[in-house]
Every structure is written in C-alpha cells, then in structure tokens.
C-alpha cells in the first residue's frame, strides 16, 4: 500500500463521529476535511498562511482563534477574500 493511500485511510472519520464532534463543539461542519464549519451563523475557513493572516488583520476581518501558542489555528469568514 502506498504512503499516500495509507495516510488517507488513517484520517478517515465516519459520519457518526463527525456528528459527535459537531455536538461536542457546538458547530456544523460544511467540509470536515478542509476545516470549514459554521458557528453562530458565520461560515469559517482556516487561514492558509502568515500572509493571509496579516491581510486579514490589516482588513480588520473578524477572526476566530482556537487554542494558543504554536498550535493555534486561526479562522476567517469564508466569504472574505485576501
């Protein structure tokens, strides 16, 4: 089995597991594997890189940060374009 196929199988999540995660977090996933979800009426997408994060900050775009430190993940509204 190739590394790519093995890695893809490793991250496979069942629809039931996704529903449990949604219930625990209080969000609705639009695309679980891309990290796009809906919370409080806003659809969020993950920030791709530091340049996009900087552009969002300059544009005063509402941002959502999950966790802190080096493992922090920033999200911006899906409709925002850098």
N, C-alpha and C. Protein backbone atom coordinates (compact mmCIF):
# COMPACT_ATOMS: atom_id res chain seq x y z
N UNK A 1 0.84 -1.17 0.00
CA UNK A 1 0.00 0.00 0.00
C UNK A 1 0.89 1.25 0.00
N UNK A 2 0.54 2.23 -0.82
CA UNK A 2 1.35 3.44 -0.90
C UNK A 2 1.19 4.29 0.36
N UNK A 3 2.19 5.15 0.61
CA UNK A 3 2.15 6.02 1.79
C UNK A 3 0.93 6.94 1.76
N UNK A 4 0.65 7.49 0.56
CA UNK A 4 -0.46 8.44 0.43
C UNK A 4 -1.80 7.76 0.76
N UNK A 5 -2.00 6.56 0.24
CA UNK A 5 -3.25 5.85 0.49
C UNK A 5 -3.35 5.45 1.96
N UNK A 6 -2.24 5.02 2.54
CA UNK A 6 -2.23 4.63 3.95
C UNK A 6 -2.55 5.83 4.84
N UNK A 7 -1.97 7.00 4.52
CA UNK A 7 -2.22 8.21 5.29
C UNK A 7 -3.68 8.61 5.18
N UNK A 8 -4.28 8.49 3.99
CA UNK A 8 -5.67 8.87 3.80
C UNK A 8 -6.59 7.96 4.61
N UNK A 9 -6.30 6.68 4.67
CA UNK A 9 -7.10 5.75 5.44
C UNK A 9 -7.00 6.06 6.94
N UNK A 10 -5.85 6.48 7.38
CA UNK A 10 -5.60 6.76 8.77
C UNK A 10 -6.49 7.91 9.27
N UNK A 11 -6.80 8.90 8.43
CA UNK A 11 -7.56 10.06 8.82
C UNK A 11 -9.04 9.96 8.46
N UNK A 12 -9.50 8.80 8.06
CA UNK A 12 -10.90 8.62 7.70
C UNK A 12 -11.77 8.71 8.96
N UNK A 13 -12.80 9.55 8.88
CA UNK A 13 -13.70 9.75 10.01
C UNK A 13 -15.11 9.44 9.53
N UNK A 14 -15.84 8.67 10.31
CA UNK A 14 -17.20 8.28 9.92
C UNK A 14 -18.16 9.45 10.14
N UNK A 15 -19.28 9.45 9.42
CA UNK A 15 -20.29 10.50 9.62
C UNK A 15 -20.80 10.56 11.06
N UNK A 16 -20.87 9.42 11.72
CA UNK A 16 -21.33 9.40 13.11
C UNK A 16 -20.33 10.12 14.01
N UNK A 17 -19.03 9.90 13.75
CA UNK A 17 -18.00 10.58 14.53
C UNK A 17 -18.04 12.09 14.30
N UNK A 18 -18.30 12.49 13.06
CA UNK A 18 -18.40 13.91 12.75
C UNK A 18 -19.58 14.53 13.49
N UNK A 19 -20.71 13.84 13.53
CA UNK A 19 -21.88 14.34 14.26
C UNK A 19 -21.57 14.49 15.76
N UNK A 20 -20.85 13.54 16.32
CA UNK A 20 -20.47 13.64 17.74
C UNK A 20 -19.55 14.84 17.99
N UNK A 21 -18.61 15.06 17.09
CA UNK A 21 -17.70 16.20 17.21
C UNK A 21 -18.49 17.51 17.11
N UNK A 22 -19.43 17.57 16.14
CA UNK A 22 -20.27 18.76 15.99
C UNK A 22 -21.05 19.04 17.27
N UNK A 23 -21.60 17.98 17.85
CA UNK A 23 -22.39 18.14 19.08
C UNK A 23 -21.51 18.63 20.23
N UNK A 24 -20.32 18.07 20.37
CA UNK A 24 -19.40 18.46 21.44
C UNK A 24 -18.93 19.91 21.29
N UNK A 25 -18.64 20.32 20.04
CA UNK A 25 -18.10 21.66 19.81
C UNK A 25 -19.18 22.72 19.60
N UNK A 26 -20.39 22.28 19.28
CA UNK A 26 -21.47 23.23 19.02
C UNK A 26 -21.33 23.91 17.68
N UNK A 27 -20.79 23.21 16.69
CA UNK A 27 -20.63 23.75 15.34
C UNK A 27 -21.25 22.80 14.33
N UNK A 28 -21.36 23.26 13.08
CA UNK A 28 -21.84 22.42 11.99
C UNK A 28 -20.75 22.42 10.91
N UNK A 29 -20.20 21.26 10.62
CA UNK A 29 -19.14 21.18 9.61
C UNK A 29 -19.73 21.22 8.21
N UNK A 30 -19.20 22.13 7.39
CA UNK A 30 -19.55 22.20 5.98
C UNK A 30 -18.66 21.21 5.22
N UNK A 31 -17.35 21.27 5.51
CA UNK A 31 -16.37 20.33 4.95
C UNK A 31 -15.39 19.98 6.06
N UNK A 32 -15.56 18.83 6.67
CA UNK A 32 -14.75 18.42 7.81
C UNK A 32 -13.27 18.36 7.46
N UNK A 33 -12.94 17.80 6.29
CA UNK A 33 -11.55 17.59 5.92
C UNK A 33 -10.82 18.87 5.54
N UNK A 34 -11.55 19.91 5.11
CA UNK A 34 -10.94 21.20 4.81
C UNK A 34 -10.99 22.14 6.00
N UNK A 35 -11.69 21.74 7.07
CA UNK A 35 -11.77 22.56 8.27
C UNK A 35 -12.77 23.70 8.17
N UNK A 36 -13.75 23.60 7.26
CA UNK A 36 -14.76 24.64 7.09
C UNK A 36 -15.97 24.29 7.93
N UNK A 37 -16.38 25.22 8.80
CA UNK A 37 -17.50 24.95 9.68
C UNK A 37 -18.33 26.21 9.90
N UNK A 38 -19.55 26.00 10.41
CA UNK A 38 -20.47 27.10 10.68
C UNK A 38 -20.70 27.21 12.17
N UNK A 39 -20.57 28.43 12.69
CA UNK A 39 -20.77 28.69 14.11
C UNK A 39 -21.41 30.06 14.26
N UNK A 40 -22.48 30.14 15.00
CA UNK A 40 -23.19 31.41 15.23
C UNK A 40 -23.54 32.12 13.93
N UNK A 41 -23.95 31.37 12.92
CA UNK A 41 -24.37 31.95 11.64
C UNK A 41 -23.24 32.36 10.71
N UNK A 42 -22.00 32.17 11.10
CA UNK A 42 -20.86 32.53 10.26
C UNK A 42 -20.15 31.26 9.82
N UNK A 43 -19.84 31.17 8.52
CA UNK A 43 -19.08 30.04 7.99
C UNK A 43 -17.61 30.42 8.03
N UNK A 44 -16.80 29.61 8.72
CA UNK A 44 -15.39 29.89 8.93
C UNK A 44 -14.51 28.96 8.11
N UNK A 45 -13.38 29.48 7.63
CA UNK A 45 -12.37 28.67 6.93
C UNK A 45 -11.03 28.92 7.60
N UNK A 46 -10.14 27.93 7.57
CA UNK A 46 -8.82 28.15 8.19
C UNK A 46 -7.97 29.12 7.37
N UNK A 47 -7.13 29.87 8.05
CA UNK A 47 -6.18 30.76 7.38
C UNK A 47 -5.09 29.89 6.77
N UNK A 48 -4.75 30.16 5.50
CA UNK A 48 -3.80 29.31 4.79
C UNK A 48 -2.35 29.52 5.22
N UNK A 49 -1.97 30.78 5.43
CA UNK A 49 -0.57 31.07 5.74
C UNK A 49 -0.45 32.41 6.46
N UNK A 50 0.77 32.78 6.79
CA UNK A 50 1.02 34.02 7.51
C UNK A 50 0.64 35.27 6.74
N UNK A 51 0.81 35.23 5.42
CA UNK A 51 0.46 36.40 4.59
C UNK A 51 -1.05 36.63 4.65
N UNK A 52 -1.82 35.55 4.53
CA UNK A 52 -3.28 35.67 4.59
C UNK A 52 -3.71 36.18 5.97
N UNK A 53 -3.06 35.70 7.02
CA UNK A 53 -3.36 36.15 8.38
C UNK A 53 -3.08 37.65 8.53
N UNK A 54 -1.96 38.10 7.98
CA UNK A 54 -1.59 39.51 8.03
C UNK A 54 -2.60 40.37 7.26
N UNK A 55 -3.01 39.91 6.08
CA UNK A 55 -4.00 40.64 5.27
C UNK A 55 -5.33 40.75 6.03
N UNK A 56 -5.74 39.66 6.67
CA UNK A 56 -7.00 39.68 7.42
C UNK A 56 -6.91 40.67 8.58
N UNK A 57 -5.76 40.73 9.24
CA UNK A 57 -5.58 41.67 10.34
C UNK A 57 -5.62 43.11 9.84
N UNK A 58 -4.99 43.37 8.70
CA UNK A 58 -5.00 44.72 8.13
C UNK A 58 -6.40 45.15 7.71
N UNK A 59 -7.19 44.18 7.21
CA UNK A 59 -8.55 44.47 6.75
C UNK A 59 -9.56 44.51 7.90
N UNK A 60 -9.10 44.30 9.14
CA UNK A 60 -9.99 44.25 10.31
C UNK A 60 -11.09 43.21 10.14
N UNK A 61 -10.74 42.07 9.59
CA UNK A 61 -11.67 40.97 9.40
C UNK A 61 -11.87 40.26 10.74
N UNK A 62 -13.12 39.92 11.08
CA UNK A 62 -13.30 39.15 12.32
C UNK A 62 -12.57 37.81 12.20
N UNK A 63 -11.83 37.45 13.23
CA UNK A 63 -11.08 36.20 13.21
C UNK A 63 -11.43 35.38 14.44
N UNK A 64 -11.32 34.08 14.27
CA UNK A 64 -11.57 33.14 15.35
C UNK A 64 -10.28 32.37 15.57
N UNK A 65 -9.82 32.31 16.81
CA UNK A 65 -8.59 31.57 17.12
C UNK A 65 -8.93 30.42 18.06
N UNK A 66 -8.47 29.25 17.69
CA UNK A 66 -8.67 28.07 18.51
C UNK A 66 -7.32 27.66 19.06
N UNK A 67 -7.23 27.50 20.36
CA UNK A 67 -6.01 27.15 21.07
C UNK A 67 -5.12 28.39 21.18
N UNK A 68 -3.90 28.19 21.63
CA UNK A 68 -2.97 29.31 21.75
C UNK A 68 -1.55 28.79 21.57
N UNK A 69 -0.64 29.71 21.49
CA UNK A 69 0.76 29.33 21.31
C UNK A 69 1.06 28.85 19.91
N UNK A 70 1.99 27.93 19.80
CA UNK A 70 2.43 27.43 18.48
C UNK A 70 1.38 26.58 17.79
N UNK A 71 0.46 26.00 18.56
CA UNK A 71 -0.55 25.13 17.96
C UNK A 71 -1.85 25.87 17.65
N UNK A 72 -1.85 27.20 17.72
CA UNK A 72 -3.07 27.98 17.48
C UNK A 72 -3.49 27.87 16.01
N UNK A 73 -4.80 27.83 15.81
CA UNK A 73 -5.38 27.80 14.47
C UNK A 73 -6.28 29.01 14.32
N UNK A 74 -6.05 29.81 13.29
CA UNK A 74 -6.87 30.98 13.04
C UNK A 74 -7.84 30.69 11.90
N UNK A 75 -9.04 31.26 12.04
CA UNK A 75 -10.08 31.10 11.04
C UNK A 75 -10.62 32.47 10.68
N UNK A 76 -11.02 32.62 9.40
CA UNK A 76 -11.64 33.85 8.90
C UNK A 76 -12.96 33.46 8.23
N UNK A 77 -13.88 34.43 8.06
CA UNK A 77 -15.13 34.11 7.37
C UNK A 77 -14.87 33.61 5.95
N UNK A 78 -15.67 32.65 5.52
CA UNK A 78 -15.48 32.02 4.21
C UNK A 78 -15.58 33.01 3.07
N UNK A 79 -16.47 34.01 3.19
CA UNK A 79 -16.68 34.95 2.08
C UNK A 79 -15.54 35.97 1.93
N UNK A 80 -14.65 36.07 2.94
CA UNK A 80 -13.54 37.03 2.85
C UNK A 80 -12.49 36.55 1.86
N UNK A 81 -12.06 37.47 1.01
CA UNK A 81 -11.00 37.17 0.03
C UNK A 81 -9.82 38.08 0.30
N UNK A 82 -8.62 37.51 0.39
CA UNK A 82 -7.42 38.34 0.66
C UNK A 82 -7.07 39.24 -0.53
